[in-house]
mmCIF file of all heavy atoms, coordinates in Angstrom:
data_MODEL
# 
_entry.id   MODEL 
# 
loop_
_atom_site.group_PDB 
_atom_site.id 
_atom_site.type_symbol 
_atom_site.label_atom_id 
_atom_site.label_alt_id 
_atom_site.label_comp_id 
_atom_site.label_asym_id 
_atom_site.label_entity_id 
_atom_site.label_seq_id 
_atom_site.pdbx_PDB_ins_code 
_atom_site.Cartn_x 
_atom_site.Cartn_y 
_atom_site.Cartn_z 
_atom_site.occupancy 
_atom_site.B_iso_or_equiv 
_atom_site.pdbx_formal_charge 
_atom_site.auth_seq_id 
_atom_site.auth_comp_id 
_atom_site.auth_asym_id 
_atom_site.auth_atom_id 
_atom_site.pdbx_PDB_model_num 
ATOM 1   N N   . GLU A 1 1  ? -4.798  -11.749 16.667 1.00 0.00 ? 1  GLU A N   1 
ATOM 2   C CA  . GLU A 1 1  ? -5.634  -10.949 17.542 1.00 0.00 ? 1  GLU A CA  1 
ATOM 3   C C   . GLU A 1 1  ? -6.688  -10.175 16.759 1.00 0.00 ? 1  GLU A C   1 
ATOM 4   O O   . GLU A 1 1  ? -7.824  -10.070 17.189 1.00 0.00 ? 1  GLU A O   1 
ATOM 5   C CB  . GLU A 1 1  ? -4.779  -9.973  18.359 1.00 0.00 ? 1  GLU A CB  1 
ATOM 6   C CG  . GLU A 1 1  ? -5.601  -9.146  19.343 1.00 0.00 ? 1  GLU A CG  1 
ATOM 7   C CD  . GLU A 1 1  ? -4.736  -8.195  20.158 1.00 0.00 ? 1  GLU A CD  1 
ATOM 8   O OE1 . GLU A 1 1  ? -3.556  -8.031  19.803 1.00 0.00 ? 1  GLU A OE1 1 
ATOM 9   O OE2 . GLU A 1 1  ? -5.252  -7.637  21.135 1.00 0.00 ? 1  GLU A OE2 1 
ATOM 10  N N   . ILE A 1 2  ? -6.331  -9.657  15.587 1.00 0.00 ? 2  ILE A N   1 
ATOM 11  C CA  . ILE A 1 2  ? -7.274  -8.830  14.838 1.00 0.00 ? 2  ILE A CA  1 
ATOM 12  C C   . ILE A 1 2  ? -8.502  -9.631  14.454 1.00 0.00 ? 2  ILE A C   1 
ATOM 13  O O   . ILE A 1 2  ? -9.630  -9.133  14.468 1.00 0.00 ? 2  ILE A O   1 
ATOM 14  C CB  . ILE A 1 2  ? -6.607  -8.220  13.584 1.00 0.00 ? 2  ILE A CB  1 
ATOM 15  C CG1 . ILE A 1 2  ? -7.556  -7.240  12.885 1.00 0.00 ? 2  ILE A CG1 1 
ATOM 16  C CG2 . ILE A 1 2  ? -6.172  -9.318  12.626 1.00 0.00 ? 2  ILE A CG2 1 
ATOM 17  C CD1 . ILE A 1 2  ? -7.945  -6.059  13.731 1.00 0.00 ? 2  ILE A CD1 1 
ATOM 18  N N   . ASP A 1 3  ? -8.346  -10.923 14.133 1.00 0.00 ? 3  ASP A N   1 
ATOM 19  C CA  . ASP A 1 3  ? -9.493  -11.756 13.776 1.00 0.00 ? 3  ASP A CA  1 
ATOM 20  C C   . ASP A 1 3  ? -10.404 -11.960 14.976 1.00 0.00 ? 3  ASP A C   1 
ATOM 21  O O   . ASP A 1 3  ? -11.625 -11.955 14.854 1.00 0.00 ? 3  ASP A O   1 
ATOM 22  C CB  . ASP A 1 3  ? -9.020  -13.120 13.251 1.00 0.00 ? 3  ASP A CB  1 
ATOM 23  C CG  . ASP A 1 3  ? -8.248  -12.988 11.948 1.00 0.00 ? 3  ASP A CG  1 
ATOM 24  O OD1 . ASP A 1 3  ? -8.807  -12.430 10.994 1.00 0.00 ? 3  ASP A OD1 1 
ATOM 25  O OD2 . ASP A 1 3  ? -7.095  -13.427 11.891 1.00 0.00 ? 3  ASP A OD2 1 
ATOM 26  N N   . ARG A 1 4  ? -9.818  -12.138 16.141 1.00 0.00 ? 4  ARG A N   1 
ATOM 27  C CA  . ARG A 1 4  ? -10.622 -12.329 17.343 1.00 0.00 ? 4  ARG A CA  1 
ATOM 28  C C   . ARG A 1 4  ? -11.402 -11.057 17.670 1.00 0.00 ? 4  ARG A C   1 
ATOM 29  O O   . ARG A 1 4  ? -12.581 -11.099 17.996 1.00 0.00 ? 4  ARG A O   1 
ATOM 30  C CB  . ARG A 1 4  ? -9.723  -12.724 18.513 1.00 0.00 ? 4  ARG A CB  1 
ATOM 31  C CG  . ARG A 1 4  ? -8.955  -14.010 18.285 1.00 0.00 ? 4  ARG A CG  1 
ATOM 32  C CD  . ARG A 1 4  ? -8.415  -14.568 19.589 1.00 0.00 ? 4  ARG A CD  1 
ATOM 33  N NE  . ARG A 1 4  ? -7.460  -13.694 20.223 1.00 0.00 ? 4  ARG A NE  1 
ATOM 34  C CZ  . ARG A 1 4  ? -6.151  -13.758 20.034 1.00 0.00 ? 4  ARG A CZ  1 
ATOM 35  N NH1 . ARG A 1 4  ? -5.647  -14.649 19.192 1.00 0.00 ? 4  ARG A NH1 1 
ATOM 36  N NH2 . ARG A 1 4  ? -5.328  -12.950 20.662 1.00 0.00 ? 4  ARG A NH2 1 
ATOM 37  N N   . VAL A 1 5  ? -10.730 -9.935  17.558 1.00 0.00 ? 5  VAL A N   1 
ATOM 38  C CA  . VAL A 1 5  ? -11.388 -8.667  17.881 1.00 0.00 ? 5  VAL A CA  1 
ATOM 39  C C   . VAL A 1 5  ? -12.526 -8.386  16.910 1.00 0.00 ? 5  VAL A C   1 
ATOM 40  O O   . VAL A 1 5  ? -13.622 -7.974  17.310 1.00 0.00 ? 5  VAL A O   1 
ATOM 41  C CB  . VAL A 1 5  ? -10.368 -7.511  17.873 1.00 0.00 ? 5  VAL A CB  1 
ATOM 42  C CG1 . VAL A 1 5  ? -11.077 -6.172  17.995 1.00 0.00 ? 5  VAL A CG1 1 
ATOM 43  C CG2 . VAL A 1 5  ? -9.366  -7.683  19.007 1.00 0.00 ? 5  VAL A CG2 1 
ATOM 44  N N   . ILE A 1 6  ? -12.294 -8.628  15.614 1.00 0.00 ? 6  ILE A N   1 
ATOM 45  C CA  . ILE A 1 6  ? -13.344 -8.404  14.620 1.00 0.00 ? 6  ILE A CA  1 
ATOM 46  C C   . ILE A 1 6  ? -14.529 -9.306  14.897 1.00 0.00 ? 6  ILE A C   1 
ATOM 47  O O   . ILE A 1 6  ? -15.683 -8.888  14.852 1.00 0.00 ? 6  ILE A O   1 
ATOM 48  C CB  . ILE A 1 6  ? -12.803 -8.636  13.201 1.00 0.00 ? 6  ILE A CB  1 
ATOM 49  C CG1 . ILE A 1 6  ? -11.812 -7.524  12.823 1.00 0.00 ? 6  ILE A CG1 1 
ATOM 50  C CG2 . ILE A 1 6  ? -13.940 -8.680  12.191 1.00 0.00 ? 6  ILE A CG2 1 
ATOM 51  C CD1 . ILE A 1 6  ? -11.121 -7.758  11.500 1.00 0.00 ? 6  ILE A CD1 1 
ATOM 52  N N   . GLY A 1 7  ? -14.252 -10.567 15.203 1.00 0.00 ? 7  GLY A N   1 
ATOM 53  C CA  . GLY A 1 7  ? -15.331 -11.499 15.491 1.00 0.00 ? 7  GLY A CA  1 
ATOM 54  C C   . GLY A 1 7  ? -16.154 -11.078 16.689 1.00 0.00 ? 7  GLY A C   1 
ATOM 55  O O   . GLY A 1 7  ? -17.388 -11.100 16.661 1.00 0.00 ? 7  GLY A O   1 
ATOM 56  N N   . LEU A 1 8  ? -15.511 -10.645 17.747 1.00 0.00 ? 8  LEU A N   1 
ATOM 57  C CA  . LEU A 1 8  ? -16.221 -10.228 18.951 1.00 0.00 ? 8  LEU A CA  1 
ATOM 58  C C   . LEU A 1 8  ? -16.996 -8.939  18.709 1.00 0.00 ? 8  LEU A C   1 
ATOM 59  O O   . LEU A 1 8  ? -18.104 -8.768  19.213 1.00 0.00 ? 8  LEU A O   1 
ATOM 60  C CB  . LEU A 1 8  ? -15.238 -10.052 20.109 1.00 0.00 ? 8  LEU A CB  1 
ATOM 61  C CG  . LEU A 1 8  ? -14.571 -11.351 20.596 1.00 0.00 ? 8  LEU A CG  1 
ATOM 62  C CD1 . LEU A 1 8  ? -13.479 -11.033 21.608 1.00 0.00 ? 8  LEU A CD1 1 
ATOM 63  C CD2 . LEU A 1 8  ? -15.579 -12.304 21.197 1.00 0.00 ? 8  LEU A CD2 1 
ATOM 64  N N   . SER A 1 9  ? -16.427 -8.033  17.927 1.00 0.00 ? 9  SER A N   1 
ATOM 65  C CA  . SER A 1 9  ? -17.122 -6.771  17.669 1.00 0.00 ? 9  SER A CA  1 
ATOM 66  C C   . SER A 1 9  ? -18.348 -6.985  16.786 1.00 0.00 ? 9  SER A C   1 
ATOM 67  O O   . SER A 1 9  ? -19.282 -6.180  16.812 1.00 0.00 ? 9  SER A O   1 
ATOM 68  C CB  . SER A 1 9  ? -16.174 -5.766  17.008 1.00 0.00 ? 9  SER A CB  1 
ATOM 69  O OG  . SER A 1 9  ? -15.782 -6.205  15.725 1.00 0.00 ? 9  SER A OG  1 
ATOM 70  N N   . THR A 1 10 ? -18.359 -8.050  16.005 1.00 0.00 ? 10 THR A N   1 
ATOM 71  C CA  . THR A 1 10 ? -19.507 -8.353  15.163 1.00 0.00 ? 10 THR A CA  1 
ATOM 72  C C   . THR A 1 10 ? -20.657 -8.933  15.971 1.00 0.00 ? 10 THR A C   1 
ATOM 73  O O   . THR A 1 10 ? -21.792 -8.913  15.533 1.00 0.00 ? 10 THR A O   1 
ATOM 74  C CB  . THR A 1 10 ? -19.094 -9.343  14.054 1.00 0.00 ? 10 THR A CB  1 
ATOM 75  O OG1 . THR A 1 10 ? -17.969 -8.812  13.357 1.00 0.00 ? 10 THR A OG1 1 
ATOM 76  C CG2 . THR A 1 10 ? -20.213 -9.575  13.061 1.00 0.00 ? 10 THR A CG2 1 
ATOM 77  N N   . GLY A 1 11 ? -20.358 -9.457  17.143 1.00 0.00 ? 11 GLY A N   1 
ATOM 78  C CA  . GLY A 1 11 ? -21.419 -9.984  17.985 1.00 0.00 ? 11 GLY A CA  1 
ATOM 79  C C   . GLY A 1 11 ? -21.179 -11.374 18.514 1.00 0.00 ? 11 GLY A C   1 
ATOM 80  O O   . GLY A 1 11 ? -22.044 -11.940 19.188 1.00 0.00 ? 11 GLY A O   1 
ATOM 81  N N   . ALA A 1 12 ? -20.023 -11.973 18.227 1.00 0.00 ? 12 ALA A N   1 
ATOM 82  C CA  . ALA A 1 12 ? -19.710 -13.283 18.788 1.00 0.00 ? 12 ALA A CA  1 
ATOM 83  C C   . ALA A 1 12 ? -19.496 -13.159 20.294 1.00 0.00 ? 12 ALA A C   1 
ATOM 84  O O   . ALA A 1 12 ? -19.027 -12.132 20.785 1.00 0.00 ? 12 ALA A O   1 
ATOM 85  C CB  . ALA A 1 12 ? -18.468 -13.864 18.121 1.00 0.00 ? 12 ALA A CB  1 
ATOM 86  N N   . ASP A 1 13 ? -19.854 -14.210 21.030 1.00 0.00 ? 13 ASP A N   1 
ATOM 87  C CA  . ASP A 1 13 ? -19.694 -14.201 22.479 1.00 0.00 ? 13 ASP A CA  1 
ATOM 88  C C   . ASP A 1 13 ? -18.335 -14.730 22.911 1.00 0.00 ? 13 ASP A C   1 
ATOM 89  O O   . ASP A 1 13 ? -17.842 -14.398 23.986 1.00 0.00 ? 13 ASP A O   1 
ATOM 90  C CB  . ASP A 1 13 ? -20.799 -15.046 23.131 1.00 0.00 ? 13 ASP A CB  1 
ATOM 91  C CG  . ASP A 1 13 ? -22.167 -14.454 22.884 1.00 0.00 ? 13 ASP A CG  1 
ATOM 92  O OD1 . ASP A 1 13 ? -22.491 -13.443 23.518 1.00 0.00 ? 13 ASP A OD1 1 
ATOM 93  O OD2 . ASP A 1 13 ? -22.908 -14.997 22.053 1.00 0.00 ? 13 ASP A OD2 1 
ATOM 94  N N   . ASP A 1 14 ? -17.742 -15.587 22.099 1.00 0.00 ? 14 ASP A N   1 
ATOM 95  C CA  . ASP A 1 14 ? -16.449 -16.161 22.431 1.00 0.00 ? 14 ASP A CA  1 
ATOM 96  C C   . ASP A 1 14 ? -15.845 -16.680 21.134 1.00 0.00 ? 14 ASP A C   1 
ATOM 97  O O   . ASP A 1 14 ? -16.519 -16.752 20.099 1.00 0.00 ? 14 ASP A O   1 
ATOM 98  C CB  . ASP A 1 14 ? -16.613 -17.293 23.457 1.00 0.00 ? 14 ASP A CB  1 
ATOM 99  C CG  . ASP A 1 14 ? -15.312 -17.626 24.188 1.00 0.00 ? 14 ASP A CG  1 
ATOM 100 O OD1 . ASP A 1 14 ? -14.278 -16.985 23.882 1.00 0.00 ? 14 ASP A OD1 1 
ATOM 101 O OD2 . ASP A 1 14 ? -15.325 -18.519 25.035 1.00 0.00 ? 14 ASP A OD2 1 
ATOM 102 N N   . TYR A 1 15 ? -14.563 -17.047 21.164 1.00 0.00 ? 15 TYR A N   1 
ATOM 103 C CA  . TYR A 1 15 ? -13.901 -17.587 19.992 1.00 0.00 ? 15 TYR A CA  1 
ATOM 104 C C   . TYR A 1 15 ? -13.043 -18.769 20.410 1.00 0.00 ? 15 TYR A C   1 
ATOM 105 O O   . TYR A 1 15 ? -12.654 -18.910 21.572 1.00 0.00 ? 15 TYR A O   1 
ATOM 106 C CB  . TYR A 1 15 ? -13.035 -16.524 19.310 1.00 0.00 ? 15 TYR A CB  1 
ATOM 107 C CG  . TYR A 1 15 ? -11.903 -16.037 20.188 1.00 0.00 ? 15 TYR A CG  1 
ATOM 108 C CD1 . TYR A 1 15 ? -10.671 -16.692 20.198 1.00 0.00 ? 15 TYR A CD1 1 
ATOM 109 C CD2 . TYR A 1 15 ? -12.079 -14.955 21.038 1.00 0.00 ? 15 TYR A CD2 1 
ATOM 110 C CE1 . TYR A 1 15 ? -9.646  -16.264 21.023 1.00 0.00 ? 15 TYR A CE1 1 
ATOM 111 C CE2 . TYR A 1 15 ? -11.057 -14.519 21.865 1.00 0.00 ? 15 TYR A CE2 1 
ATOM 112 C CZ  . TYR A 1 15 ? -9.855  -15.172 21.855 1.00 0.00 ? 15 TYR A CZ  1 
ATOM 113 O OH  . TYR A 1 15 ? -8.853  -14.757 22.682 1.00 0.00 ? 15 TYR A OH  1 
ATOM 114 N N   . LEU A 1 16 ? -12.762 -19.640 19.453 1.00 0.00 ? 16 LEU A N   1 
ATOM 115 C CA  . LEU A 1 16 ? -11.939 -20.817 19.693 1.00 0.00 ? 16 LEU A CA  1 
ATOM 116 C C   . LEU A 1 16 ? -11.033 -20.989 18.481 1.00 0.00 ? 16 LEU A C   1 
ATOM 117 O O   . LEU A 1 16 ? -11.506 -21.010 17.338 1.00 0.00 ? 16 LEU A O   1 
ATOM 118 C CB  . LEU A 1 16 ? -12.823 -22.051 19.894 1.00 0.00 ? 16 LEU A CB  1 
ATOM 119 C CG  . LEU A 1 16 ? -12.154 -23.352 20.330 1.00 0.00 ? 16 LEU A CG  1 
ATOM 120 C CD1 . LEU A 1 16 ? -11.404 -23.157 21.647 1.00 0.00 ? 16 LEU A CD1 1 
ATOM 121 C CD2 . LEU A 1 16 ? -13.203 -24.443 20.473 1.00 0.00 ? 16 LEU A CD2 1 
ATOM 122 N N   . VAL A 1 17 ? -9.734  -21.078 18.718 1.00 0.00 ? 17 VAL A N   1 
ATOM 123 C CA  . VAL A 1 17 ? -8.760  -21.145 17.637 1.00 0.00 ? 17 VAL A CA  1 
ATOM 124 C C   . VAL A 1 17 ? -8.463  -22.595 17.290 1.00 0.00 ? 17 VAL A C   1 
ATOM 125 O O   . VAL A 1 17 ? -8.190  -23.416 18.157 1.00 0.00 ? 17 VAL A O   1 
ATOM 126 C CB  . VAL A 1 17 ? -7.460  -20.410 18.030 1.00 0.00 ? 17 VAL A CB  1 
ATOM 127 C CG1 . VAL A 1 17 ? -6.431  -20.506 16.903 1.00 0.00 ? 17 VAL A CG1 1 
ATOM 128 C CG2 . VAL A 1 17 ? -7.743  -18.948 18.355 1.00 0.00 ? 17 VAL A CG2 1 
ATOM 129 N N   . LYS A 1 18 ? -8.538  -22.921 16.010 1.00 0.00 ? 18 LYS A N   1 
ATOM 130 C CA  . LYS A 1 18 ? -8.169  -24.250 15.529 1.00 0.00 ? 18 LYS A CA  1 
ATOM 131 C C   . LYS A 1 18 ? -6.649  -24.384 15.486 1.00 0.00 ? 18 LYS A C   1 
ATOM 132 O O   . LYS A 1 18 ? -5.962  -23.415 15.146 1.00 0.00 ? 18 LYS A O   1 
ATOM 133 C CB  . LYS A 1 18 ? -8.718  -24.493 14.117 1.00 0.00 ? 18 LYS A CB  1 
ATOM 134 C CG  . LYS A 1 18 ? -10.219 -24.396 13.975 1.00 0.00 ? 18 LYS A CG  1 
ATOM 135 C CD  . LYS A 1 18 ? -10.592 -24.565 12.508 1.00 0.00 ? 18 LYS A CD  1 
ATOM 136 C CE  . LYS A 1 18 ? -12.062 -24.383 12.258 1.00 0.00 ? 18 LYS A CE  1 
ATOM 137 N NZ  . LYS A 1 18 ? -12.408 -24.493 10.829 1.00 0.00 ? 18 LYS A NZ  1 
ATOM 138 N N   . PRO A 1 19 ? -6.119  -25.576 15.763 1.00 0.00 ? 19 PRO A N   1 
ATOM 139 C CA  . PRO A 1 19 ? -6.814  -26.781 16.241 1.00 0.00 ? 19 PRO A CA  1 
ATOM 140 C C   . PRO A 1 19 ? -7.137  -26.662 17.728 1.00 0.00 ? 19 PRO A C   1 
ATOM 141 O O   . PRO A 1 19 ? -6.411  -26.007 18.476 1.00 0.00 ? 19 PRO A O   1 
ATOM 142 C CB  . PRO A 1 19 ? -5.801  -27.890 15.977 1.00 0.00 ? 19 PRO A CB  1 
ATOM 143 C CG  . PRO A 1 19 ? -4.474  -27.211 16.083 1.00 0.00 ? 19 PRO A CG  1 
ATOM 144 C CD  . PRO A 1 19 ? -4.676  -25.816 15.567 1.00 0.00 ? 19 PRO A CD  1 
ATOM 145 N N   . PHE A 1 20 ? -8.225  -27.295 18.152 1.00 0.00 ? 20 PHE A N   1 
ATOM 146 C CA  . PHE A 1 20 ? -8.636  -27.254 19.549 1.00 0.00 ? 20 PHE A CA  1 
ATOM 147 C C   . PHE A 1 20 ? -8.939  -28.670 20.013 1.00 0.00 ? 20 PHE A C   1 
ATOM 148 O O   . PHE A 1 20 ? -9.201  -29.568 19.201 1.00 0.00 ? 20 PHE A O   1 
ATOM 149 C CB  . PHE A 1 20 ? -9.880  -26.371 19.717 1.00 0.00 ? 20 PHE A CB  1 
ATOM 150 C CG  . PHE A 1 20 ? -10.998 -26.727 18.774 1.00 0.00 ? 20 PHE A CG  1 
ATOM 151 C CD1 . PHE A 1 20 ? -11.870 -27.758 19.059 1.00 0.00 ? 20 PHE A CD1 1 
ATOM 152 C CD2 . PHE A 1 20 ? -11.166 -26.024 17.592 1.00 0.00 ? 20 PHE A CD2 1 
ATOM 153 C CE1 . PHE A 1 20 ? -12.892 -28.091 18.185 1.00 0.00 ? 20 PHE A CE1 1 
ATOM 154 C CE2 . PHE A 1 20 ? -12.183 -26.345 16.712 1.00 0.00 ? 20 PHE A CE2 1 
ATOM 155 C CZ  . PHE A 1 20 ? -13.049 -27.393 17.007 1.00 0.00 ? 20 PHE A CZ  1 
ATOM 156 N N   . SER A 1 21 ? -8.893  -28.859 21.308 1.00 0.00 ? 21 SER A N   1 
ATOM 157 C CA  . SER A 1 21 ? -9.185  -30.178 21.864 1.00 0.00 ? 21 SER A CA  1 
ATOM 158 C C   . SER A 1 21 ? -10.679 -30.312 22.122 1.00 0.00 ? 21 SER A C   1 
ATOM 159 O O   . SER A 1 21 ? -11.360 -29.311 22.393 1.00 0.00 ? 21 SER A O   1 
ATOM 160 C CB  . SER A 1 21 ? -8.420  -30.386 23.175 1.00 0.00 ? 21 SER A CB  1 
ATOM 161 O OG  . SER A 1 21 ? -8.956  -29.544 24.194 1.00 0.00 ? 21 SER A OG  1 
ATOM 162 N N   . PRO A 1 22 ? -11.228 -31.521 22.038 1.00 0.00 ? 22 PRO A N   1 
ATOM 163 C CA  . PRO A 1 22 ? -12.643 -31.720 22.375 1.00 0.00 ? 22 PRO A CA  1 
ATOM 164 C C   . PRO A 1 22 ? -12.984 -31.228 23.771 1.00 0.00 ? 22 PRO A C   1 
ATOM 165 O O   . PRO A 1 22 ? -14.067 -30.672 23.989 1.00 0.00 ? 22 PRO A O   1 
ATOM 166 C CB  . PRO A 1 22 ? -12.822 -33.237 22.250 1.00 0.00 ? 22 PRO A CB  1 
ATOM 167 C CG  . PRO A 1 22 ? -11.787 -33.659 21.254 1.00 0.00 ? 22 PRO A CG  1 
ATOM 168 C CD  . PRO A 1 22 ? -10.610 -32.765 21.526 1.00 0.00 ? 22 PRO A CD  1 
ATOM 169 N N   . ARG A 1 23 ? -12.080 -31.385 24.714 1.00 0.00 ? 23 ARG A N   1 
ATOM 170 C CA  . ARG A 1 23 ? -12.348 -30.934 26.084 1.00 0.00 ? 23 ARG A CA  1 
ATOM 171 C C   . ARG A 1 23 ? -12.516 -29.420 26.136 1.00 0.00 ? 23 ARG A C   1 
ATOM 172 O O   . ARG A 1 23 ? -13.416 -28.910 26.811 1.00 0.00 ? 23 ARG A O   1 
ATOM 173 C CB  . ARG A 1 23 ? -11.208 -31.361 27.018 1.00 0.00 ? 23 ARG A CB  1 
ATOM 174 C CG  . ARG A 1 23 ? -11.366 -30.832 28.434 1.00 0.00 ? 23 ARG A CG  1 
ATOM 175 C CD  . ARG A 1 23 ? -10.216 -31.278 29.318 1.00 0.00 ? 23 ARG A CD  1 
ATOM 176 N NE  . ARG A 1 23 ? -10.248 -32.707 29.570 1.00 0.00 ? 23 ARG A NE  1 
ATOM 177 C CZ  . ARG A 1 23 ? -9.408  -33.339 30.375 1.00 0.00 ? 23 ARG A CZ  1 
ATOM 178 N NH1 . ARG A 1 23 ? -8.447  -32.664 30.984 1.00 0.00 ? 23 ARG A NH1 1 
ATOM 179 N NH2 . ARG A 1 23 ? -9.502  -34.638 30.554 1.00 0.00 ? 23 ARG A NH2 1 
ATOM 180 N N   . GLU A 1 24 ? -11.668 -28.698 25.410 1.00 0.00 ? 24 GLU A N   1 
ATOM 181 C CA  . GLU A 1 24 ? -11.783 -27.237 25.403 1.00 0.00 ? 24 GLU A CA  1 
ATOM 182 C C   . GLU A 1 24 ? -13.078 -26.802 24.732 1.00 0.00 ? 24 GLU A C   1 
ATOM 183 O O   . GLU A 1 24 ? -13.752 -25.866 25.185 1.00 0.00 ? 24 GLU A O   1 
ATOM 184 C CB  . GLU A 1 24 ? -10.596 -26.595 24.695 1.00 0.00 ? 24 GLU A CB  1 
ATOM 185 C CG  . GLU A 1 24 ? -10.620 -25.068 24.748 1.00 0.00 ? 24 GLU A CG  1 
ATOM 186 C CD  . GLU A 1 24 ? -9.423  -24.430 24.081 1.00 0.00 ? 24 GLU A CD  1 
ATOM 187 O OE1 . GLU A 1 24 ? -8.682  -25.131 23.369 1.00 0.00 ? 24 GLU A OE1 1 
ATOM 188 O OE2 . GLU A 1 24 ? -9.250  -23.212 24.264 1.00 0.00 ? 24 GLU A OE2 1 
ATOM 189 N N   . LEU A 1 25 ? -13.455 -27.477 23.653 1.00 0.00 ? 25 LEU A N   1 
ATOM 190 C CA  . LEU A 1 25 ? -14.708 -27.154 22.972 1.00 0.00 ? 25 LEU A CA  1 
ATOM 191 C C   . LEU A 1 25 ? -15.886 -27.303 23.926 1.00 0.00 ? 25 LEU A C   1 
ATOM 192 O O   . LEU A 1 25 ? -16.731 -26.402 24.030 1.00 0.00 ? 25 LEU A O   1 
ATOM 193 C CB  . LEU A 1 25 ? -14.891 -28.073 21.768 1.00 0.00 ? 25 LEU A CB  1 
ATOM 194 C CG  . LEU A 1 25 ? -16.269 -28.028 21.098 1.00 0.00 ? 25 LEU A CG  1 
ATOM 195 C CD1 . LEU A 1 25 ? -16.519 -26.673 20.449 1.00 0.00 ? 25 LEU A CD1 1 
ATOM 196 C CD2 . LEU A 1 25 ? -16.392 -29.158 20.070 1.00 0.00 ? 25 LEU A CD2 1 
ATOM 197 N N   . VAL A 1 26 ? -15.965 -28.427 24.619 1.00 0.00 ? 26 VAL A N   1 
ATOM 198 C CA  . VAL A 1 26 ? -17.073 -28.668 25.546 1.00 0.00 ? 26 VAL A CA  1 
ATOM 199 C C   . VAL A 1 26 ? -17.070 -27.631 26.663 1.00 0.00 ? 26 VAL A C   1 
ATOM 200 O O   . VAL A 1 26 ? -18.127 -27.116 27.055 1.00 0.00 ? 26 VAL A O   1 
ATOM 201 C CB  . VAL A 1 26 ? -16.992 -30.091 26.124 1.00 0.00 ? 26 VAL A CB  1 
ATOM 202 C CG1 . VAL A 1 26 ? -18.021 -30.280 27.249 1.00 0.00 ? 26 VAL A CG1 1 
ATOM 203 C CG2 . VAL A 1 26 ? -17.230 -31.126 25.030 1.00 0.00 ? 26 VAL A CG2 1 
ATOM 204 N N   . ALA A 1 27 ? -15.886 -27.291 27.167 1.00 0.00 ? 27 ALA A N   1 
ATOM 205 C CA  . ALA A 1 27 ? -15.793 -26.298 28.244 1.00 0.00 ? 27 ALA A CA  1 
ATOM 206 C C   . ALA A 1 27 ? -16.320 -24.942 27.787 1.00 0.00 ? 27 ALA A C   1 
ATOM 207 O O   . ALA A 1 27 ? -17.048 -24.263 28.526 1.00 0.00 ? 27 ALA A O   1 
ATOM 208 C CB  . ALA A 1 27 ? -14.350 -26.175 28.723 1.00 0.00 ? 27 ALA A CB  1 
ATOM 209 N N   . ARG A 1 28 ? -15.963 -24.535 26.567 1.00 0.00 ? 28 ARG A N   1 
ATOM 210 C CA  . ARG A 1 28 ? -16.426 -23.243 26.059 1.00 0.00 ? 28 ARG A CA  1 
ATOM 211 C C   . ARG A 1 28 ? -17.950 -23.240 25.878 1.00 0.00 ? 28 ARG A C   1 
ATOM 212 O O   . ARG A 1 28 ? -18.628 -22.266 26.215 1.00 0.00 ? 28 ARG A O   1 
ATOM 213 C CB  . ARG A 1 28 ? -15.760 -22.930 24.715 1.00 0.00 ? 28 ARG A CB  1 
ATOM 214 C CG  . ARG A 1 28 ? -14.250 -22.760 24.764 1.00 0.00 ? 28 ARG A CG  1 
ATOM 215 C CD  . ARG A 1 28 ? -13.821 -21.511 25.500 1.00 0.00 ? 28 ARG A CD  1 
ATOM 216 N NE  . ARG A 1 28 ? -12.391 -21.337 25.436 1.00 0.00 ? 28 ARG A NE  1 
ATOM 217 C CZ  . ARG A 1 28 ? -11.751 -20.607 24.527 1.00 0.00 ? 28 ARG A CZ  1 
ATOM 218 N NH1 . ARG A 1 28 ? -12.427 -19.983 23.590 1.00 0.00 ? 28 ARG A NH1 1 
ATOM 219 N NH2 . ARG A 1 28 ? -10.439 -20.497 24.554 1.00 0.00 ? 28 ARG A NH2 1 
# 
């Protein structure tokens, strides 16, 4: 969770955790 929060606070709009499916990537 801390990595996601840091990423979002830096200015990211969303995050995706590896490994991920191609379908989830396209959806995001």
